[in-house]
Amino acid sequence: MKNKKIKIICTVGPSTLKKKFLNFAKKNNVSLLRLNMSHLSKENLIKSIKYIKNYCSIPICIDTEGAQIRTKVKKEKFINLGKILIINDTQKNFNLYPEYIPDRIKNNDLLDIGFNNLKVKVLKKIDKKIICKAISSGKLENNKGVHVVNRKVKINYLTQKDLEAIEIGKKFKINNFALSFTNSIDDVLDFNKLLPSQNKIFKIETLNACNDFYKIIKHADNFLIDRGDLSKDVKVENIPTFQRKLFKIKNKFKKKNIYVATNLLESMIENSFPTRGEANDIFNSLEMGANGLVLAAETAIGKNPISTVKFLSKMIKAFKNSKYKNLRYF
């Protein structure tokens, strides 16, 4: 463990697409720079790649949108309990993405929107309009994930934008790609076929992927536990159990890698220092066998991206120097 390199993966966004951060990153052991297609247009993807390559040689990873439903909202607002909402109205104030999703929504579907507690029930469909009622109040925001609570909706494993982003990546000789919302062995095999010679990371953020992980892990080398979206499928209180379950399987395959993401240093989006709970969470993940840690909003839009990376480096060093570093939960 002492000589094992634990990777720091940083998501690049408005806070870090800057010369100062990129120069810092290349001198401070950042292993990978993640570009999240859920928040990037194709045009901005090209601009981001060019900018990064101009200032540092850290490898770039294009992270696909994958099989997720997202909101498209013109004006963000707070929705009170009982409020009637119309998805796909004539003004296009509130819609769902990818474009084919409204056709796959059914009466009585329960939609869990974003991470601010907003939940709606589909009352009826009139032509292409979907009439919903808020059954839990919360904020309706743009480009937030939507989870259909009551059933599984068939979603293509890649969006058209993903396919175009992959071609852009190939053009710029990007060698790292992540598949979001890996659901099955078929998704893994299809992504492997699409990118046969590139490094691939398969994101584990669905119940299906957790249940099939023992089979999935045999067909790939690199995995990422995205605890945010996974919590929509397995509930927040079950995340510790599922994280340990995945590491128990991973530790039987010594050459496989698992990275951990979501809320590692969430408080440092605003603050210049972490919480003790965050420090403990990071240590626990390393103790379980994490091969790398992923910073998302902390570096993409946070106020303190450099301080965040510095603290993560300190935690990795503290773990490696700890007398408990050789412990395993299983």
Protein backbone atom coordinates (compact mmCIF):
# COMPACT_ATOMS: atom_id res chain seq x y z
CA MET A 1 0.00 0.00 0.00
CA LYS A 2 2.84 2.37 0.80
CA ASN A 3 4.12 2.42 -2.78
CA LYS A 4 0.71 2.20 -4.40
CA LYS A 5 -0.27 5.34 -6.27
CA ILE A 6 -3.69 6.59 -5.28
CA LYS A 7 -5.06 8.75 -8.06
CA ILE A 8 -6.65 12.15 -7.69
CA ILE A 9 -9.17 12.81 -10.44
CA CYS A 10 -10.43 16.37 -10.81
CA THR A 11 -13.51 17.49 -12.70
CA VAL A 12 -12.72 20.57 -14.75
CA GLY A 13 -15.24 23.39 -14.88
CA PRO A 14 -15.42 27.18 -14.60
CA SER A 15 -13.36 27.14 -11.38
CA THR A 16 -10.50 25.11 -12.82
CA LEU A 17 -10.34 25.81 -16.54
CA LYS A 18 -7.67 28.32 -15.66
CA LYS A 19 -3.92 28.52 -16.17
CA LYS A 20 -3.26 28.82 -12.42
CA PHE A 21 -5.11 25.62 -11.51
CA LEU A 22 -3.73 23.59 -14.42
CA ASN A 23 -0.17 24.61 -13.54
CA PHE A 24 -0.87 23.64 -9.92
CA ALA A 25 -2.43 20.32 -10.93
CA LYS A 26 0.52 19.15 -13.00
CA LYS A 27 2.88 19.84 -10.08
CA ASN A 28 0.67 18.22 -7.44
CA ASN A 29 0.03 14.68 -8.60
CA VAL A 30 -3.38 15.13 -10.22
CA SER A 31 -3.69 12.01 -12.39
CA LEU A 32 -6.69 12.75 -14.58
CA LEU A 33 -8.81 15.73 -15.60
CA ARG A 34 -12.48 14.85 -16.09
CA LEU A 35 -14.72 16.63 -18.60
CA ASN A 36 -18.37 15.94 -17.77
CA MET A 37 -20.57 15.80 -20.89
CA SER A 38 -23.67 16.21 -18.73
CA HIS A 39 -22.62 19.85 -18.35
CA LEU A 40 -20.75 20.52 -21.59
CA SER A 41 -21.81 21.29 -25.13
CA LYS A 42 -19.78 19.83 -27.98
CA GLU A 43 -18.38 23.29 -28.68
CA ASN A 44 -17.28 23.78 -25.08
CA LEU A 45 -15.79 20.29 -25.03
CA ILE A 46 -13.49 21.25 -27.89
CA LYS A 47 -12.58 24.56 -26.24
CA SER A 48 -11.87 22.80 -22.92
CA ILE A 49 -9.65 20.16 -24.51
CA LYS A 50 -7.64 22.78 -26.39
CA TYR A 51 -7.26 24.94 -23.28
CA ILE A 52 -6.11 22.06 -21.08
CA LYS A 53 -3.64 20.79 -23.67
CA ASN A 54 -2.20 24.28 -23.99
CA TYR A 55 -1.22 24.43 -20.31
CA CYS A 56 -0.56 20.89 -19.12
CA SER A 57 -0.09 17.31 -20.21
CA ILE A 58 -2.32 15.66 -17.59
CA PRO A 59 -4.50 13.05 -19.34
CA ILE A 60 -8.10 14.04 -20.03
CA CYS A 61 -11.12 11.80 -19.46
CA ILE A 62 -14.37 12.40 -21.34
CA ASP A 63 -17.23 11.34 -19.06
CA THR A 64 -20.37 10.49 -21.04
CA GLU A 65 -23.94 11.47 -20.19
CA GLY A 66 -24.99 7.83 -20.42
CA ALA A 67 -28.43 6.40 -19.67
CA GLN A 68 -29.83 9.19 -17.52
CA ILE A 69 -32.95 11.34 -17.80
CA ARG A 70 -32.31 15.04 -17.19
CA THR A 71 -34.38 18.18 -16.89
CA LYS A 72 -34.38 20.99 -19.42
CA VAL A 73 -35.75 24.05 -17.65
CA LYS A 74 -35.85 27.64 -18.90
CA LYS A 75 -36.54 29.27 -15.53
CA GLU A 76 -35.55 27.60 -12.27
CA LYS A 77 -38.05 27.93 -9.43
CA PHE A 78 -39.22 26.42 -6.16
CA ILE A 79 -42.20 24.08 -6.54
CA ASN A 80 -44.62 23.84 -3.63
CA LEU A 81 -46.42 20.66 -2.58
CA GLY A 82 -49.52 20.11 -4.72
CA LYS A 83 -48.37 22.36 -7.59
CA ILE A 84 -49.43 21.21 -11.06
CA LEU A 85 -46.57 21.07 -13.59
CA ILE A 86 -46.65 20.49 -17.32
CA ILE A 87 -43.72 18.70 -18.93
CA ASN A 88 -43.28 19.38 -22.64
CA ASP A 89 -45.62 22.35 -22.71
CA THR A 90 -45.91 24.58 -25.78
CA GLN A 91 -43.47 27.15 -24.34
CA LYS A 92 -40.92 24.40 -23.58
CA ASN A 93 -40.43 25.79 -20.08
CA PHE A 94 -39.92 22.29 -18.65
CA ASN A 95 -38.90 19.28 -20.67
CA LEU A 96 -37.00 16.04 -20.31
CA TYR A 97 -33.83 14.91 -22.07
CA PRO A 98 -33.02 12.84 -24.14
CA GLU A 99 -35.74 13.97 -26.52
CA TYR A 100 -37.44 10.57 -26.76
CA ILE A 101 -38.00 10.24 -23.00
CA PRO A 102 -41.42 11.99 -22.79
CA ASP A 103 -42.81 9.26 -25.06
CA ARG A 104 -41.64 6.62 -22.57
CA ILE A 105 -43.17 8.23 -19.49
CA LYS A 106 -46.48 6.69 -18.36
CA ASN A 107 -49.45 7.67 -16.21
CA ASN A 108 -48.78 7.28 -12.46
CA ASP A 109 -44.99 7.37 -12.88
CA LEU A 110 -43.20 8.88 -9.88
CA LEU A 111 -40.31 11.18 -10.83
CA ASP A 112 -37.59 12.08 -8.32
CA ILE A 113 -35.97 15.25 -9.66
CA GLY A 114 -32.50 16.47 -8.69
CA PHE A 115 -31.19 16.46 -5.13
CA ASN A 116 -33.51 19.05 -3.57
CA ASN A 117 -36.37 16.70 -2.64
CA LEU A 118 -38.66 17.55 -5.57
CA LYS A 119 -40.89 14.61 -6.49
CA VAL A 120 -43.82 14.63 -8.92
CA LYS A 121 -46.47 12.14 -9.97
CA VAL A 122 -47.65 11.87 -13.56
CA LEU A 123 -51.43 12.39 -13.57
CA LYS A 124 -52.10 12.07 -17.29
CA LYS A 125 -50.68 12.57 -20.77
CA ILE A 126 -52.45 14.77 -23.31
CA ASP A 127 -50.90 14.53 -26.75
CA LYS A 128 -47.24 15.22 -25.99
CA LYS A 129 -47.90 17.08 -22.73
CA ILE A 130 -47.30 15.35 -19.40
CA ILE A 131 -49.43 16.69 -16.54
CA CYS A 132 -47.77 16.20 -13.12
CA LYS A 133 -48.46 17.06 -9.50
CA ALA A 134 -45.78 17.79 -6.93
CA ILE A 135 -45.99 15.21 -4.13
CA SER A 136 -42.91 16.64 -2.40
CA SER A 137 -41.82 20.27 -2.61
CA GLY A 138 -38.39 21.24 -3.89
CA LYS A 139 -36.46 23.29 -6.41
CA LEU A 140 -36.87 22.65 -10.13
CA GLU A 141 -33.49 23.25 -11.74
CA ASN A 142 -32.00 22.84 -15.20
CA ASN A 143 -29.95 19.81 -16.20
CA LYS A 144 -30.71 17.78 -13.08
CA GLY A 145 -31.08 14.01 -13.01
CA VAL A 146 -34.56 12.49 -13.01
CA HIS A 147 -35.12 9.06 -11.49
CA VAL A 148 -38.29 7.12 -12.27
CA VAL A 149 -38.99 5.61 -8.85
CA ASN A 150 -41.69 3.06 -9.61
CA ARG A 151 -40.23 1.24 -12.63
CA LYS A 152 -37.33 0.96 -15.02
CA VAL A 153 -37.48 3.05 -18.18
CA LYS A 154 -35.50 1.85 -21.19
CA ILE A 155 -32.83 4.42 -22.02
CA ASN A 156 -30.12 4.17 -24.68
CA TYR A 157 -26.76 3.53 -23.03
CA LEU A 158 -25.21 6.51 -24.85
CA THR A 159 -26.77 9.73 -26.12
CA GLN A 160 -26.16 11.15 -29.57
CA LYS A 161 -24.08 13.87 -27.92
CA ASP A 162 -21.97 11.16 -26.26
CA LEU A 163 -21.24 9.54 -29.62
CA GLU A 164 -20.22 12.89 -31.07
CA ALA A 165 -18.08 13.66 -28.02
CA ILE A 166 -16.29 10.33 -28.39
CA GLU A 167 -15.44 11.18 -32.01
CA ILE A 168 -14.14 14.57 -30.88
CA GLY A 169 -12.07 12.82 -28.24
CA LYS A 170 -10.55 10.48 -30.80
CA LYS A 171 -9.69 13.45 -33.01
CA PHE A 172 -7.77 15.04 -30.11
CA LYS A 173 -6.17 11.71 -29.17
CA ILE A 174 -8.00 11.47 -25.84
CA ASN A 175 -7.33 8.04 -24.39
CA ASN A 176 -9.69 7.96 -21.37
CA PHE A 177 -13.47 7.64 -21.46
CA ALA A 178 -16.04 6.97 -18.73
CA LEU A 179 -19.42 5.29 -19.22
CA SER A 180 -22.07 6.77 -16.96
CA PHE A 181 -24.94 4.63 -15.65
CA THR A 182 -23.47 1.28 -16.57
CA ASN A 183 -26.46 -1.04 -16.23
CA SER A 184 -25.40 -4.41 -17.54
CA ILE A 185 -22.69 -6.58 -19.02
CA ASP A 186 -24.07 -5.64 -22.46
CA ASP A 187 -23.29 -1.97 -21.76
CA VAL A 188 -19.72 -2.91 -20.84
CA LEU A 189 -19.24 -5.08 -23.93
CA ASP A 190 -20.73 -2.43 -26.24
CA PHE A 191 -18.52 0.31 -24.79
CA ASN A 192 -15.47 -1.95 -25.06
CA LYS A 193 -16.31 -2.58 -28.71
CA LEU A 194 -16.78 1.13 -29.38
CA LEU A 195 -13.43 2.00 -27.75
CA PRO A 196 -11.28 -1.14 -28.08
CA SER A 197 -7.87 0.42 -27.44
CA GLN A 198 -8.74 3.28 -25.05
CA ASN A 199 -8.76 3.27 -21.25
CA LYS A 200 -12.31 2.97 -20.00
CA ILE A 201 -13.92 3.67 -16.63
CA PHE A 202 -17.33 2.15 -15.92
CA LYS A 203 -19.41 4.12 -13.45
CA ILE A 204 -21.38 2.10 -10.93
CA GLU A 205 -24.42 4.19 -10.04
CA THR A 206 -27.41 1.88 -10.49
CA LEU A 207 -28.85 -1.00 -8.49
CA ASN A 208 -28.57 -3.24 -11.55
CA ALA A 209 -24.84 -2.60 -11.82
CA CYS A 210 -24.37 -3.32 -8.09
CA ASN A 211 -26.30 -6.56 -8.32
CA ASP A 212 -24.37 -7.71 -11.40
CA PHE A 213 -20.98 -6.36 -10.33
CA TYR A 214 -19.38 -9.77 -9.83
CA LYS A 215 -20.11 -10.51 -13.49
CA ILE A 216 -19.36 -7.01 -14.79
CA ILE A 217 -15.95 -6.74 -13.11
CA LYS A 218 -14.64 -9.63 -15.21
CA HIS A 219 -15.08 -7.63 -18.42
CA ALA A 220 -13.30 -4.39 -17.49
CA ASP A 221 -10.49 -3.02 -15.34
CA ASN A 222 -11.60 0.37 -14.03
CA PHE A 223 -14.75 1.31 -12.12
CA LEU A 224 -16.08 4.39 -10.36
CA ILE A 225 -18.66 4.35 -7.56
CA ASP A 226 -20.78 7.47 -8.07
CA ARG A 227 -22.55 7.65 -4.75
CA GLY A 228 -24.76 10.57 -5.72
CA ASP A 229 -26.83 8.97 -8.44
CA LEU A 230 -26.50 5.55 -6.81
CA SER A 231 -28.30 6.96 -3.77
CA LYS A 232 -31.37 7.51 -5.96
CA ASP A 233 -31.53 3.77 -6.67
CA VAL A 234 -30.55 2.32 -3.28
CA LYS A 235 -31.33 5.19 -0.85
CA VAL A 236 -28.74 7.25 0.96
CA GLU A 237 -28.74 5.16 4.13
CA ASN A 238 -27.72 2.10 2.11
CA ILE A 239 -24.74 3.71 0.36
CA PRO A 240 -22.20 2.54 3.00
CA THR A 241 -23.43 -1.04 2.65
CA PHE A 242 -23.29 -1.02 -1.14
CA GLN A 243 -19.87 0.64 -1.18
CA ARG A 244 -18.50 -2.11 1.05
CA LYS A 245 -20.20 -4.79 -1.02
CA LEU A 246 -18.52 -3.50 -4.20
CA PHE A 247 -15.11 -3.35 -2.53
CA LYS A 248 -15.54 -6.85 -1.15
CA ILE A 249 -15.93 -8.09 -4.72
CA LYS A 250 -13.17 -5.85 -6.07
CA ASN A 251 -10.66 -7.09 -3.51
CA LYS A 252 -10.97 -10.56 -5.04
CA PHE A 253 -9.67 -9.10 -8.30
CA LYS A 254 -6.36 -7.52 -7.31
CA LYS A 255 -5.61 -5.93 -10.68
CA LYS A 256 -8.94 -4.12 -10.92
CA ASN A 257 -9.35 -0.49 -9.88
CA ILE A 258 -12.21 1.27 -8.14
CA TYR A 259 -12.45 5.02 -7.71
CA VAL A 260 -14.89 6.74 -5.33
CA ALA A 261 -16.84 9.90 -6.12
CA THR A 262 -19.48 12.24 -4.70
CA ASN A 263 -19.46 14.46 -1.62
CA LEU A 264 -15.87 13.68 -0.66
CA LEU A 265 -15.26 17.34 0.17
CA GLU A 266 -18.64 18.90 -0.51
CA SER A 267 -18.25 21.52 2.22
CA MET A 268 -15.18 22.90 0.47
CA ILE A 269 -17.30 24.07 -2.45
CA GLU A 270 -17.97 27.05 -0.18
CA ASN A 271 -15.46 26.71 2.68
CA SER A 272 -11.67 26.68 2.72
CA PHE A 273 -11.62 23.75 5.18
CA PRO A 274 -13.34 20.33 5.30
CA THR A 275 -15.53 18.71 7.93
CA ARG A 276 -14.28 15.92 10.17
CA GLY A 277 -16.95 13.66 8.70
CA GLU A 278 -15.51 14.21 5.22
CA ALA A 279 -12.01 13.38 6.44
CA ASN A 280 -13.32 10.16 7.96
CA ASP A 281 -15.23 9.25 4.78
CA ILE A 282 -12.11 9.69 2.66
CA PHE A 283 -10.04 7.56 5.05
CA ASN A 284 -12.72 4.85 5.08
CA SER A 285 -12.79 4.73 1.29
CA LEU A 286 -9.01 4.39 1.15
CA GLU A 287 -9.09 1.74 3.85
CA MET A 288 -11.59 -0.27 1.80
CA GLY A 289 -9.14 -0.25 -1.10
CA ALA A 290 -9.97 2.79 -3.27
CA ASN A 291 -7.45 3.24 -6.06
CA GLY A 292 -8.44 6.84 -6.57
CA LEU A 293 -10.70 9.65 -5.41
CA VAL A 294 -12.80 11.88 -7.64
CA LEU A 295 -13.55 15.54 -7.05
CA ALA A 296 -16.64 16.76 -8.90
CA ALA A 297 -18.37 20.02 -7.96
CA GLU A 298 -15.53 20.69 -5.51
CA THR A 299 -13.19 21.50 -8.40
CA ALA A 300 -15.67 22.18 -11.22
CA ILE A 301 -17.57 25.04 -9.59
CA GLY A 302 -16.14 25.28 -6.06
CA LYS A 303 -14.59 28.39 -4.56
CA ASN A 304 -11.48 26.57 -3.32
CA PRO A 305 -10.32 24.01 -5.90
CA ILE A 306 -6.61 24.27 -5.06
CA SER A 307 -7.21 23.98 -1.30
CA THR A 308 -9.48 21.00 -1.95
CA VAL A 309 -6.81 19.13 -3.93
CA LYS A 310 -4.21 19.98 -1.30
CA PHE A 311 -6.37 18.55 1.48
CA LEU A 312 -7.11 15.39 -0.50
CA SER A 313 -3.36 14.93 -0.96
CA LYS A 314 -2.88 15.35 2.80
CA MET A 315 -5.52 12.71 3.47
CA ILE A 316 -3.84 10.24 1.12
CA LYS A 317 -0.49 10.90 2.81
CA ALA A 318 -2.04 10.51 6.28
CA PHE A 319 -3.59 7.22 5.23
CA LYS A 320 -0.34 5.87 3.81
CA ASN A 321 1.48 6.83 7.01
CA SER A 322 -1.17 5.28 9.24
CA LYS A 323 -0.59 2.04 11.12
CA TYR A 324 -4.12 1.07 10.01
CA LYS A 325 -3.34 1.21 6.29
CA ASN A 326 -3.22 -2.56 5.89
CA LEU A 327 -6.65 -3.15 7.39
CA ARG A 328 -9.50 -4.38 5.22
CA TYR A 329 -13.19 -4.51 6.06
CA PHE A 330 -13.47 -7.91 4.43
